[in-house]
Amino acid sequence: MQFDFIGVSLRDNNSYTFDNYFIDMASGSELLPEERLTPEETLTLGVYERQEPLLRSANEMEPCYSRLQTVLKRLSIRSICALPLTTARRKLGAITFGSKQLDTYSPREVRFVSQVAGYIALAFDDASNFAALRRASEELQTKNDRLQLLLDVTNQVVSNLELRDLLRAISQDVRRVMQCDYAGLSLPDADDKQLRLYAVDFPEGKGFLQEDLVYSIEGSPSGTAFRTMKPLTLQSPFTGWLHYPIVQIAVREGLRSFCFLPLISRNRAIGTLVLARLRDDAFSQADCRVP
């Protein structure tokens, strides 16, 4: 079967939209649309709903496909054939072939490719199931890592009587599990106006962030997490925070993303745990729920 471009549209399970992947056969590169069409403006939705192949000439299309027609003309596509991708279990989406020649696809070819499309659908279904299984496995591994972190922290608590040694050990465990470059624990001074950096685990540090560094609670990111008892994430360029000395020190260290976690006991904050990375890798909501 001759075609100059091929595309697959897979229905998003959580919405009424389709994820589209189109390849230009001449260059082998992915075609990225200059404008996004709604499902109703494409052939995909009709093929998906009616479960029947659809043949169209780019020169002869219904008014509802006017924007699609413009896109096809820009790509010099003159013939298009769309077929449903369906398995015995579910409807997946559609596969589309496009040709720069007029009247490329005959009914006989379409009948044959319709049979082949069933095997293509099975391949995509298997790939989708494998991806879902891999995501579930990764999530399970993350949960196991965090449960192990809880166990490690508990062991450190019962085996360390010296506060600073305990905080250093906990920082190392957290940095390892959270895949961070920096972990630090800060506790408030007696007047509750300043935070003191009691423990630092930063193997690649330049020495600007050191234990016993004191900084103001008011206005600092750590202090904000401490006062509000809510996590706070920051990422370079740290807009609105760069005038605070503690943030300037962190920038000199080369740190580019942060997660500030309040340490809460009996409904009050007793300190903050700060996680940071040297790369532009923002912390997620899941990271903010670290035990």
C-alpha atoms as a PDB file:
ATOM      1  CA  MET A   1       0.000   0.000   0.000  1.00  0.00           C
ATOM      2  CA  GLN A   2       1.436   3.337  -1.066  1.00  0.00           C
ATOM      3  CA  PHE A   3       1.436   6.291   1.348  1.00  0.00           C
ATOM      4  CA  ASP A   4       3.453   9.439   1.970  1.00  0.00           C
ATOM      5  CA  PHE A   5       2.446   9.844   5.582  1.00  0.00           C
ATOM      6  CA  ILE A   6       1.004   7.575   8.237  1.00  0.00           C
ATOM      7  CA  GLY A   7      -0.609   8.467  11.534  1.00  0.00           C
ATOM      8  CA  VAL A   8      -2.110   6.847  14.582  1.00  0.00           C
ATOM      9  CA  SER A   9      -4.717   8.515  16.796  1.00  0.00           C
ATOM     10  CA  LEU A  10      -5.296   6.863  20.163  1.00  0.00           C
ATOM     11  CA  ARG A  11      -8.239   7.752  22.353  1.00  0.00           C
ATOM     12  CA  ASP A  12      -7.313   9.258  25.719  1.00  0.00           C
ATOM     13  CA  ASN A  13      -8.978   7.165  28.417  1.00  0.00           C
ATOM     14  CA  ASN A  14      -9.554  10.195  30.630  1.00  0.00           C
ATOM     15  CA  SER A  15     -10.984  12.635  28.095  1.00  0.00           C
ATOM     16  CA  TYR A  16     -12.792  13.012  24.783  1.00  0.00           C
ATOM     17  CA  THR A  17      -9.541  13.751  22.929  1.00  0.00           C
ATOM     18  CA  PHE A  18      -7.066  11.710  20.878  1.00  0.00           C
ATOM     19  CA  ASP A  19      -3.287  11.541  21.110  1.00  0.00           C
ATOM     20  CA  ASN A  20      -1.970  11.874  17.562  1.00  0.00           C
ATOM     21  CA  TYR A  21       1.313  10.627  16.088  1.00  0.00           C
ATOM     22  CA  PHE A  22       2.026  11.310  12.401  1.00  0.00           C
ATOM     23  CA  ILE A  23       5.153  10.411  10.409  1.00  0.00           C
ATOM     24  CA  ASP A  24       6.369  11.884   7.107  1.00  0.00           C
ATOM     25  CA  MET A  25       7.652   8.841   5.176  1.00  0.00           C
ATOM     26  CA  ALA A  26      10.067  10.855   2.991  1.00  0.00           C
ATOM     27  CA  SER A  27      12.025  12.275   5.941  1.00  0.00           C
ATOM     28  CA  GLY A  28      11.075   9.722   8.590  1.00  0.00           C
ATOM     29  CA  SER A  29      10.357  12.584  10.971  1.00  0.00           C
ATOM     30  CA  GLU A  30       7.300  13.226  13.082  1.00  0.00           C
ATOM     31  CA  LEU A  31       4.805  15.729  11.718  1.00  0.00           C
ATOM     32  CA  LEU A  32       4.017  18.333  14.352  1.00  0.00           C
ATOM     33  CA  PRO A  33       0.767  20.210  13.630  1.00  0.00           C
ATOM     34  CA  GLU A  34       0.928  23.987  13.427  1.00  0.00           C
ATOM     35  CA  GLU A  35      -2.626  24.140  14.769  1.00  0.00           C
ATOM     36  CA  ARG A  36      -4.614  21.727  16.909  1.00  0.00           C
ATOM     37  CA  LEU A  37      -7.855  20.393  15.432  1.00  0.00           C
ATOM     38  CA  THR A  38     -10.784  19.263  17.544  1.00  0.00           C
ATOM     39  CA  PRO A  39     -11.868  15.600  17.191  1.00  0.00           C
ATOM     40  CA  GLU A  40     -14.940  16.748  15.245  1.00  0.00           C
ATOM     41  CA  GLU A  41     -12.682  18.461  12.674  1.00  0.00           C
ATOM     42  CA  THR A  42     -10.803  15.254  11.856  1.00  0.00           C
ATOM     43  CA  LEU A  43     -11.736  11.951  10.246  1.00  0.00           C
ATOM     44  CA  THR A  44     -10.651  10.098  13.384  1.00  0.00           C
ATOM     45  CA  LEU A  45     -13.774  10.663  15.457  1.00  0.00           C
ATOM     46  CA  GLY A  46     -16.182   9.416  12.766  1.00  0.00           C
ATOM     47  CA  VAL A  47     -14.067   6.335  12.099  1.00  0.00           C
ATOM     48  CA  TYR A  48     -13.790   5.640  15.835  1.00  0.00           C
ATOM     49  CA  GLU A  49     -17.513   5.983  16.484  1.00  0.00           C
ATOM     50  CA  ARG A  50     -18.850   4.203  13.361  1.00  0.00           C
ATOM     51  CA  GLN A  51     -16.044   1.600  13.231  1.00  0.00           C
ATOM     52  CA  GLU A  52     -15.901   1.834   9.447  1.00  0.00           C
ATOM     53  CA  PRO A  53     -13.082   2.833   7.051  1.00  0.00           C
ATOM     54  CA  LEU A  54     -13.292   6.266   5.488  1.00  0.00           C
ATOM     55  CA  LEU A  55     -11.882   7.387   2.117  1.00  0.00           C
ATOM     56  CA  ARG A  56     -11.579  11.036   1.187  1.00  0.00           C
ATOM     57  CA  SER A  57     -10.025  13.225  -1.457  1.00  0.00           C
ATOM     58  CA  ALA A  58      -8.427  16.371  -0.042  1.00  0.00           C
ATOM     59  CA  ASN A  59     -10.191  18.346  -2.781  1.00  0.00           C
ATOM     60  CA  GLU A  60     -13.637  17.046  -1.877  1.00  0.00           C
ATOM     61  CA  MET A  61     -14.441  17.303   1.811  1.00  0.00           C
ATOM     62  CA  GLU A  62     -17.473  18.291   3.840  1.00  0.00           C
ATOM     63  CA  PRO A  63     -17.485  21.845   5.300  1.00  0.00           C
ATOM     64  CA  CYS A  64     -16.855  20.474   8.817  1.00  0.00           C
ATOM     65  CA  TYR A  65     -13.426  19.316   7.629  1.00  0.00           C
ATOM     66  CA  SER A  66     -12.363  22.683   6.189  1.00  0.00           C
ATOM     67  CA  ARG A  67      -9.460  23.170   8.626  1.00  0.00           C
ATOM     68  CA  LEU A  68      -8.283  19.588   8.031  1.00  0.00           C
ATOM     69  CA  GLN A  69      -8.462  20.246   4.297  1.00  0.00           C
ATOM     70  CA  THR A  70      -6.184  23.280   4.735  1.00  0.00           C
ATOM     71  CA  VAL A  71      -3.648  21.177   6.642  1.00  0.00           C
ATOM     72  CA  LEU A  72      -3.686  18.432   3.977  1.00  0.00           C
ATOM     73  CA  LYS A  73      -3.173  20.937   1.168  1.00  0.00           C
ATOM     74  CA  ARG A  74      -0.212  22.426   3.016  1.00  0.00           C
ATOM     75  CA  LEU A  75       1.295  18.916   3.145  1.00  0.00           C
ATOM     76  CA  SER A  76       0.387  18.265  -0.526  1.00  0.00           C
ATOM     77  CA  ILE A  77      -1.774  15.296   0.527  1.00  0.00           C
ATOM     78  CA  ARG A  78      -4.476  14.534  -2.060  1.00  0.00           C
ATOM     79  CA  SER A  79      -5.853  11.158  -0.877  1.00  0.00           C
ATOM     80  CA  ILE A  80      -6.544   9.993   2.636  1.00  0.00           C
ATOM     81  CA  CYS A  81      -7.705   6.698   4.121  1.00  0.00           C
ATOM     82  CA  ALA A  82      -8.628   6.267   7.811  1.00  0.00           C
ATOM     83  CA  LEU A  83      -9.430   2.925   9.468  1.00  0.00           C
ATOM     84  CA  PRO A  84     -10.509   1.981  12.996  1.00  0.00           C
ATOM     85  CA  LEU A  85      -8.022   0.395  15.393  1.00  0.00           C
ATOM     86  CA  THR A  86     -10.060  -2.051  17.449  1.00  0.00           C
ATOM     87  CA  THR A  87      -9.403  -5.247  19.375  1.00  0.00           C
ATOM     88  CA  ALA A  88     -11.876  -7.785  20.734  1.00  0.00           C
ATOM     89  CA  ARG A  89     -11.680  -5.958  24.085  1.00  0.00           C
ATOM     90  CA  ARG A  90     -11.896  -2.291  23.181  1.00  0.00           C
ATOM     91  CA  LYS A  91     -11.750   0.510  20.647  1.00  0.00           C
ATOM     92  CA  LEU A  92      -8.354   2.191  20.572  1.00  0.00           C
ATOM     93  CA  GLY A  93      -8.575   4.858  17.889  1.00  0.00           C
ATOM     94  CA  ALA A  94      -7.726   5.065  14.198  1.00  0.00           C
ATOM     95  CA  ILE A  95      -4.858   4.688  11.748  1.00  0.00           C
ATOM     96  CA  THR A  96      -4.614   7.091   8.819  1.00  0.00           C
ATOM     97  CA  PHE A  97      -2.736   6.860   5.514  1.00  0.00           C
ATOM     98  CA  GLY A  98      -2.134   9.850   3.258  1.00  0.00           C
ATOM     99  CA  SER A  99      -0.903  10.018  -0.326  1.00  0.00           C
ATOM    100  CA  LYS A 100       0.210  12.884  -2.538  1.00  0.00           C
ATOM    101  CA  GLN A 101      -1.437  11.126  -5.495  1.00  0.00           C
ATOM    102  CA  LEU A 102      -5.129  11.435  -6.358  1.00  0.00           C
ATOM    103  CA  ASP A 103      -7.437   8.408  -5.924  1.00  0.00           C
ATOM    104  CA  THR A 104      -4.653   6.274  -4.459  1.00  0.00           C
ATOM    105  CA  TYR A 105      -6.769   3.882  -2.424  1.00  0.00           C
ATOM    106  CA  SER A 106      -9.189   1.408  -3.982  1.00  0.00           C
ATOM    107  CA  PRO A 107     -11.981  -0.368  -2.057  1.00  0.00           C
ATOM    108  CA  ARG A 108     -10.094  -3.664  -2.487  1.00  0.00           C
ATOM    109  CA  GLU A 109      -6.963  -2.224  -0.814  1.00  0.00           C
ATOM    110  CA  VAL A 110      -9.062  -0.793   1.973  1.00  0.00           C
ATOM    111  CA  ARG A 111     -10.646  -4.188   2.685  1.00  0.00           C
ATOM    112  CA  PHE A 112      -7.213  -5.792   2.899  1.00  0.00           C
ATOM    113  CA  VAL A 113      -5.729  -3.053   5.118  1.00  0.00           C
ATOM    114  CA  SER A 114      -8.801  -3.256   7.359  1.00  0.00           C
ATOM    115  CA  GLN A 115      -7.792  -6.821   8.188  1.00  0.00           C
ATOM    116  CA  VAL A 116      -4.189  -5.774   8.807  1.00  0.00           C
ATOM    117  CA  ALA A 117      -5.413  -2.943  11.070  1.00  0.00           C
ATOM    118  CA  GLY A 118      -6.724  -5.553  13.502  1.00  0.00           C
ATOM    119  CA  TYR A 119      -3.178  -6.857  14.048  1.00  0.00           C
ATOM    120  CA  ILE A 120      -1.862  -3.297  14.323  1.00  0.00           C
ATOM    121  CA  ALA A 121      -4.482  -2.623  17.005  1.00  0.00           C
ATOM    122  CA  LEU A 122      -3.316  -5.686  18.962  1.00  0.00           C
ATOM    123  CA  ALA A 123       0.267  -4.402  18.845  1.00  0.00           C
ATOM    124  CA  PHE A 124      -0.737  -0.985  20.177  1.00  0.00           C
ATOM    125  CA  ASP A 125      -2.925  -2.550  22.861  1.00  0.00           C
ATOM    126  CA  ASP A 126      -0.029  -4.729  24.012  1.00  0.00           C
ATOM    127  CA  ALA A 127       2.312  -1.738  24.060  1.00  0.00           C
ATOM    128  CA  SER A 128      -0.223   0.286  26.054  1.00  0.00           C
ATOM    129  CA  ASN A 129      -0.660  -2.515  28.581  1.00  0.00           C
ATOM    130  CA  PHE A 130       3.110  -2.900  28.908  1.00  0.00           C
ATOM    131  CA  ALA A 131       3.529   0.838  29.504  1.00  0.00           C
ATOM    132  CA  ALA A 132       0.802   0.759  32.165  1.00  0.00           C
ATOM    133  CA  LEU A 133       2.472  -2.219  33.839  1.00  0.00           C
ATOM    134  CA  ARG A 134       5.832  -0.442  33.813  1.00  0.00           C
ATOM    135  CA  ARG A 135       4.293   2.698  35.374  1.00  0.00           C
ATOM    136  CA  ALA A 136       2.641   0.588  38.081  1.00  0.00           C
ATOM    137  CA  SER A 137       5.962  -1.154  38.743  1.00  0.00           C
ATOM    138  CA  GLU A 138       7.773   2.184  39.050  1.00  0.00           C
ATOM    139  CA  GLU A 139       5.115   3.510  41.437  1.00  0.00           C
ATOM    140  CA  LEU A 140       5.414   0.363  43.543  1.00  0.00           C
ATOM    141  CA  GLN A 141       9.197   0.714  43.637  1.00  0.00           C
ATOM    142  CA  THR A 142       8.833   4.338  44.761  1.00  0.00           C
ATOM    143  CA  LYS A 143       6.473   3.296  47.561  1.00  0.00           C
ATOM    144  CA  ASN A 144       8.866   0.541  48.618  1.00  0.00           C
ATOM    145  CA  ASP A 145      11.776   2.985  48.643  1.00  0.00           C
ATOM    146  CA  ARG A 146       9.838   5.356  50.859  1.00  0.00           C
ATOM    147  CA  LEU A 147       8.770   2.586  53.209  1.00  0.00           C
ATOM    148  CA  GLN A 148      12.428   1.599  53.458  1.00  0.00           C
ATOM    149  CA  LEU A 149      13.204   5.243  54.227  1.00  0.00           C
ATOM    150  CA  LEU A 150      10.756   5.136  57.126  1.00  0.00           C
ATOM    151  CA  LEU A 151      12.446   2.008  58.430  1.00  0.00           C
ATOM    152  CA  ASP A 152      15.914   3.529  58.035  1.00  0.00           C
ATOM    153  CA  VAL A 153      14.891   6.729  59.820  1.00  0.00           C
ATOM    154  CA  THR A 154      13.318   4.711  62.629  1.00  0.00           C
ATOM    155  CA  ASN A 155      16.531   2.715  63.030  1.00  0.00           C
ATOM    156  CA  GLN A 156      18.552   5.922  63.137  1.00  0.00           C
ATOM    157  CA  VAL A 157      16.262   7.389  65.787  1.00  0.00           C
ATOM    158  CA  VAL A 158      16.628   4.406  68.127  1.00  0.00           C
ATOM    159  CA  SER A 159      20.400   4.034  67.562  1.00  0.00           C
ATOM    160  CA  ASN A 160      21.490   7.696  67.741  1.00  0.00           C
ATOM    161  CA  LEU A 161      21.244   9.644  70.975  1.00  0.00           C
ATOM    162  CA  GLU A 162      23.194  12.657  69.697  1.00  0.00           C
ATOM    163  CA  LEU A 163      20.840  15.057  67.892  1.00  0.00           C
ATOM    164  CA  ARG A 164      23.317  16.296  65.297  1.00  0.00           C
ATOM    165  CA  ASP A 165      24.440  12.753  64.388  1.00  0.00           C
ATOM    166  CA  LEU A 166      20.816  11.713  64.069  1.00  0.00           C
ATOM    167  CA  LEU A 167      19.988  14.631  61.768  1.00  0.00           C
ATOM    168  CA  ARG A 168      23.029  13.940  59.580  1.00  0.00           C
ATOM    169  CA  ALA A 169      22.076  10.279  59.208  1.00  0.00           C
ATOM    170  CA  ILE A 170      18.457  11.123  58.383  1.00  0.00           C
ATOM    171  CA  SER A 171      19.581  13.701  55.785  1.00  0.00           C
ATOM    172  CA  GLN A 172      21.708  11.091  54.015  1.00  0.00           C
ATOM    173  CA  ASP A 173      18.829   8.582  53.899  1.00  0.00           C
ATOM    174  CA  VAL A 174      16.367  11.138  52.552  1.00  0.00           C
ATOM    175  CA  ARG A 175      18.782  12.460  49.901  1.00  0.00           C
ATOM    176  CA  ARG A 176      19.411   8.927  48.639  1.00  0.00           C
ATOM    177  CA  VAL A 177      15.739   7.950  48.344  1.00  0.00           C
ATOM    178  CA  MET A 178      14.601  11.273  46.883  1.00  0.00           C
ATOM    179  CA  GLN A 179      17.461  11.302  44.334  1.00  0.00           C
ATOM    180  CA  CYS A 180      18.613  14.736  45.426  1.00  0.00           C
ATOM    181  CA  ASP A 181      22.002  16.426  45.448  1.00  0.00           C
ATOM    182  CA  TYR A 182      21.362  18.255  48.717  1.00  0.00           C
ATOM    183  CA  ALA A 183      19.469  17.551  51.920  1.00  0.00           C
ATOM    184  CA  GLY A 184      19.486  19.800  54.953  1.00  0.00           C
ATOM    185  CA  LEU A 185      17.650  19.949  58.278  1.00  0.00           C
ATOM    186  CA  SER A 186      17.024  23.272  60.000  1.00  0.00           C
ATOM    187  CA  LEU A 187      15.692  23.868  63.509  1.00  0.00           C
ATOM    188  CA  PRO A 188      14.482  27.149  65.052  1.00  0.00           C
ATOM    189  CA  ASP A 189      16.559  29.037  67.576  1.00  0.00           C
ATOM    190  CA  ALA A 190      15.137  29.710  71.026  1.00  0.00           C
ATOM    191  CA  ASP A 191      13.593  33.044  70.018  1.00  0.00           C
ATOM    192  CA  ASP A 192      11.750  31.450  67.067  1.00  0.00           C
ATOM    193  CA  LYS A 193      13.022  34.203  64.770  1.00  0.00           C
ATOM    194  CA  GLN A 194      15.828  32.341  63.055  1.00  0.00           C
ATOM    195  CA  LEU A 195      16.486  28.888  61.640  1.00  0.00           C
ATOM    196  CA  ARG A 196      19.806  27.156  62.185  1.00  0.00           C
ATOM    197  CA  LEU A 197      21.144  24.616  59.694  1.00  0.00           C
ATOM    198  CA  TYR A 198      21.873  21.653  61.960  1.00  0.00           C
ATOM    199  CA  ALA A 199      22.661  18.972  59.379  1.00  0.00           C
ATOM    200  CA  VAL A 200      23.849  19.087  55.764  1.00  0.00           C
ATOM    201  CA  ASP A 201      24.390  16.249  53.309  1.00  0.00           C
ATOM    202  CA  PHE A 202      25.813  17.758  50.111  1.00  0.00           C
ATOM    203  CA  PRO A 203      28.717  15.740  48.632  1.00  0.00           C
ATOM    204  CA  GLU A 204      29.143  18.100  45.659  1.00  0.00           C
ATOM    205  CA  GLY A 205      28.794  21.300  47.684  1.00  0.00           C
ATOM    206  CA  LYS A 206      31.188  24.231  47.355  1.00  0.00           C
ATOM    207  CA  GLY A 207      31.113  24.987  51.077  1.00  0.00           C
ATOM    208  CA  PHE A 208      28.725  27.957  51.123  1.00  0.00           C
ATOM    209  CA  LEU A 209      25.955  25.963  52.849  1.00  0.00           C
ATOM    210  CA  GLN A 210      27.430  24.720  56.100  1.00  0.00           C
ATOM    211  CA  GLU A 211      26.148  23.463  59.423  1.00  0.00           C
ATOM    212  CA  ASP A 212      25.322  26.178  61.990  1.00  0.00           C
ATOM    213  CA  LEU A 213      24.454  28.668  59.247  1.00  0.00           C
ATOM    214  CA  VAL A 214      21.746  30.934  60.696  1.00  0.00           C
ATOM    215  CA  TYR A 215      19.110  32.701  58.617  1.00  0.00           C
ATOM    216  CA  SER A 216      15.859  34.550  59.212  1.00  0.00           C
ATOM    217  CA  ILE A 217      12.561  32.713  59.421  1.00  0.00           C
ATOM    218  CA  GLU A 218      10.614  35.673  58.088  1.00  0.00           C
ATOM    219  CA  GLY A 219      10.603  35.806  54.311  1.00  0.00           C
ATOM    220  CA  SER A 220      12.920  32.872  53.637  1.00  0.00           C
ATOM    221  CA  PRO A 221      11.520  29.835  51.768  1.00  0.00           C
ATOM    222  CA  SER A 222      12.349  27.512  54.686  1.00  0.00           C
ATOM    223  CA  GLY A 223      10.769  29.963  57.092  1.00  0.00           C
ATOM    224  CA  THR A 224       7.647  30.174  54.937  1.00  0.00           C
ATOM    225  CA  ALA A 225       7.265  26.373  55.022  1.00  0.00           C
ATOM    226  CA  PHE A 226       7.950  26.466  58.776  1.00  0.00           C
ATOM    227  CA  ARG A 227       5.372  29.195  59.504  1.00  0.00           C
ATOM    228  CA  THR A 228       2.617  27.927  57.188  1.00  0.00           C
ATOM    229  CA  MET A 229       3.316  24.223  57.884  1.00  0.00           C
ATOM    230  CA  LYS A 230       2.872  23.608  54.149  1.00  0.00           C
ATOM    231  CA  PRO A 231       5.422  22.327  51.603  1.00  0.00           C
ATOM    232  CA  LEU A 232       6.939  24.832  49.202  1.00  0.00           C
ATOM    233  CA  THR A 233       8.738  24.145  45.911  1.00  0.00           C
ATOM    234  CA  LEU A 234      10.996  26.557  44.036  1.00  0.00           C
ATOM    235  CA  GLN A 235      12.807  26.346  40.725  1.00  0.00           C
ATOM    236  CA  SER A 236      15.345  28.551  38.980  1.00  0.00           C
ATOM    237  CA  PRO A 237      15.196  31.524  38.318  1.00  0.00           C
ATOM    238  CA  PHE A 238      13.567  31.826  41.815  1.00  0.00           C
ATOM    239  CA  THR A 239      11.484  34.853  40.848  1.00  0.00           C
ATOM    240  CA  GLY A 240      10.570  36.931  43.899  1.00  0.00           C
ATOM    241  CA  TRP A 241      13.042  35.169  46.204  1.00  0.00           C
ATOM    242  CA  LEU A 242      16.478  36.191  44.932  1.00  0.00           C
ATOM    243  CA  HIS A 243      16.857  39.135  47.323  1.00  0.00           C
ATOM    244  CA  TYR A 244      16.932  36.819  50.358  1.00  0.00           C
ATOM    245  CA  PRO A 245      20.516  36.025  51.483  1.00  0.00           C
ATOM    246  CA  ILE A 246      19.879  32.307  52.029  1.00  0.00           C
ATOM    247  CA  VAL A 247      18.563  31.984  48.439  1.00  0.00           C
ATOM    248  CA  GLN A 248      21.623  33.856  47.119  1.00  0.00           C
ATOM    249  CA  ILE A 249      23.867  31.388  48.960  1.00  0.00           C
ATOM    250  CA  ALA A 250      21.978  28.450  47.421  1.00  0.00           C
ATOM    251  CA  VAL A 251      22.391  29.974  43.946  1.00  0.00           C
ATOM    252  CA  ARG A 252      26.160  30.276  44.541  1.00  0.00           C
ATOM    253  CA  GLU A 253      26.137  26.547  45.282  1.00  0.00           C
ATOM    254  CA  GLY A 254      24.581  25.925  41.860  1.00  0.00           C
ATOM    255  CA  LEU A 255      21.312  24.495  43.203  1.00  0.00           C
ATOM    256  CA  ARG A 256      18.416  24.935  40.762  1.00  0.00           C
ATOM    257  CA  SER A 257      15.314  23.315  42.280  1.00  0.00           C
ATOM    258  CA  PHE A 258      14.103  23.034  45.873  1.00  0.00           C
ATOM    259  CA  CYS A 259      11.500  21.363  48.030  1.00  0.00           C
ATOM    260  CA  PHE A 260      10.955  22.816  51.517  1.00  0.00           C
ATOM    261  CA  LEU A 261       9.130  20.437  53.840  1.00  0.00           C
ATOM    262  CA  PRO A 262       7.920  21.448  57.321  1.00  0.00           C
ATOM    263  CA  LEU A 263       8.627  18.945  60.086  1.00  0.00           C
ATOM    264  CA  ILE A 264       5.390  18.739  62.052  1.00  0.00           C
ATOM    265  CA  SER A 265       4.813  17.111  65.423  1.00  0.00           C
ATOM    266  CA  ARG A 266       1.635  17.400  67.492  1.00  0.00           C
ATOM    267  CA  ASN A 267       0.207  20.029  65.151  1.00  0.00           C
ATOM    268  CA  ARG A 268       3.187  22.375  65.346  1.00  0.00           C
ATOM    269  CA  ALA A 269       6.275  22.872  63.198  1.00  0.00           C
ATOM    270  CA  ILE A 270       9.560  21.863  64.810  1.00  0.00           C
ATOM    271  CA  GLY A 271      11.841  22.492  61.820  1.00  0.00           C
ATOM    272  CA  THR A 272      12.240  22.152  58.066  1.00  0.00           C
ATOM    273  CA  LEU A 273      13.714  19.555  55.732  1.00  0.00           C
ATOM    274  CA  VAL A 274      15.158  21.077  52.552  1.00  0.00           C
ATOM    275  CA  LEU A 275      15.783  18.950  49.453  1.00  0.00           C
ATOM    276  CA  ALA A 276      17.532  20.374  46.396  1.00  0.00           C
ATOM    277  CA  ARG A 277      18.926  19.358  43.018  1.00  0.00           C
ATOM    278  CA  LEU A 278      21.700  20.772  40.863  1.00  0.00           C
ATOM    279  CA  ARG A 279      19.600  20.143  37.738  1.00  0.00           C
ATOM    280  CA  ASP A 280      16.400  21.732  36.432  1.00  0.00           C
ATOM    281  CA  ASP A 281      14.235  18.878  37.669  1.00  0.00           C
ATOM    282  CA  ALA A 282      11.234  20.276  39.503  1.00  0.00           C
ATOM    283  CA  PHE A 283       9.909  18.491  42.572  1.00  0.00           C
ATOM    284  CA  SER A 284       6.460  16.913  42.167  1.00  0.00           C
ATOM    285  CA  GLN A 285       3.479  16.808  44.495  1.00  0.00           C
ATOM    286  CA  ALA A 286       4.426  13.203  45.282  1.00  0.00           C
ATOM    287  CA  ASP A 287       7.874  14.410  46.399  1.00  0.00           C
ATOM    288  CA  CYS A 288       6.185  16.824  48.783  1.00  0.00           C
ATOM    289  CA  ARG A 289       4.458  13.897  50.467  1.00  0.00           C
ATOM    290  CA  VAL A 290       7.719  12.203  51.447  1.00  0.00           C
ATOM    291  CA  PRO A 291       7.378  10.777  54.991  1.00  0.00           C
END
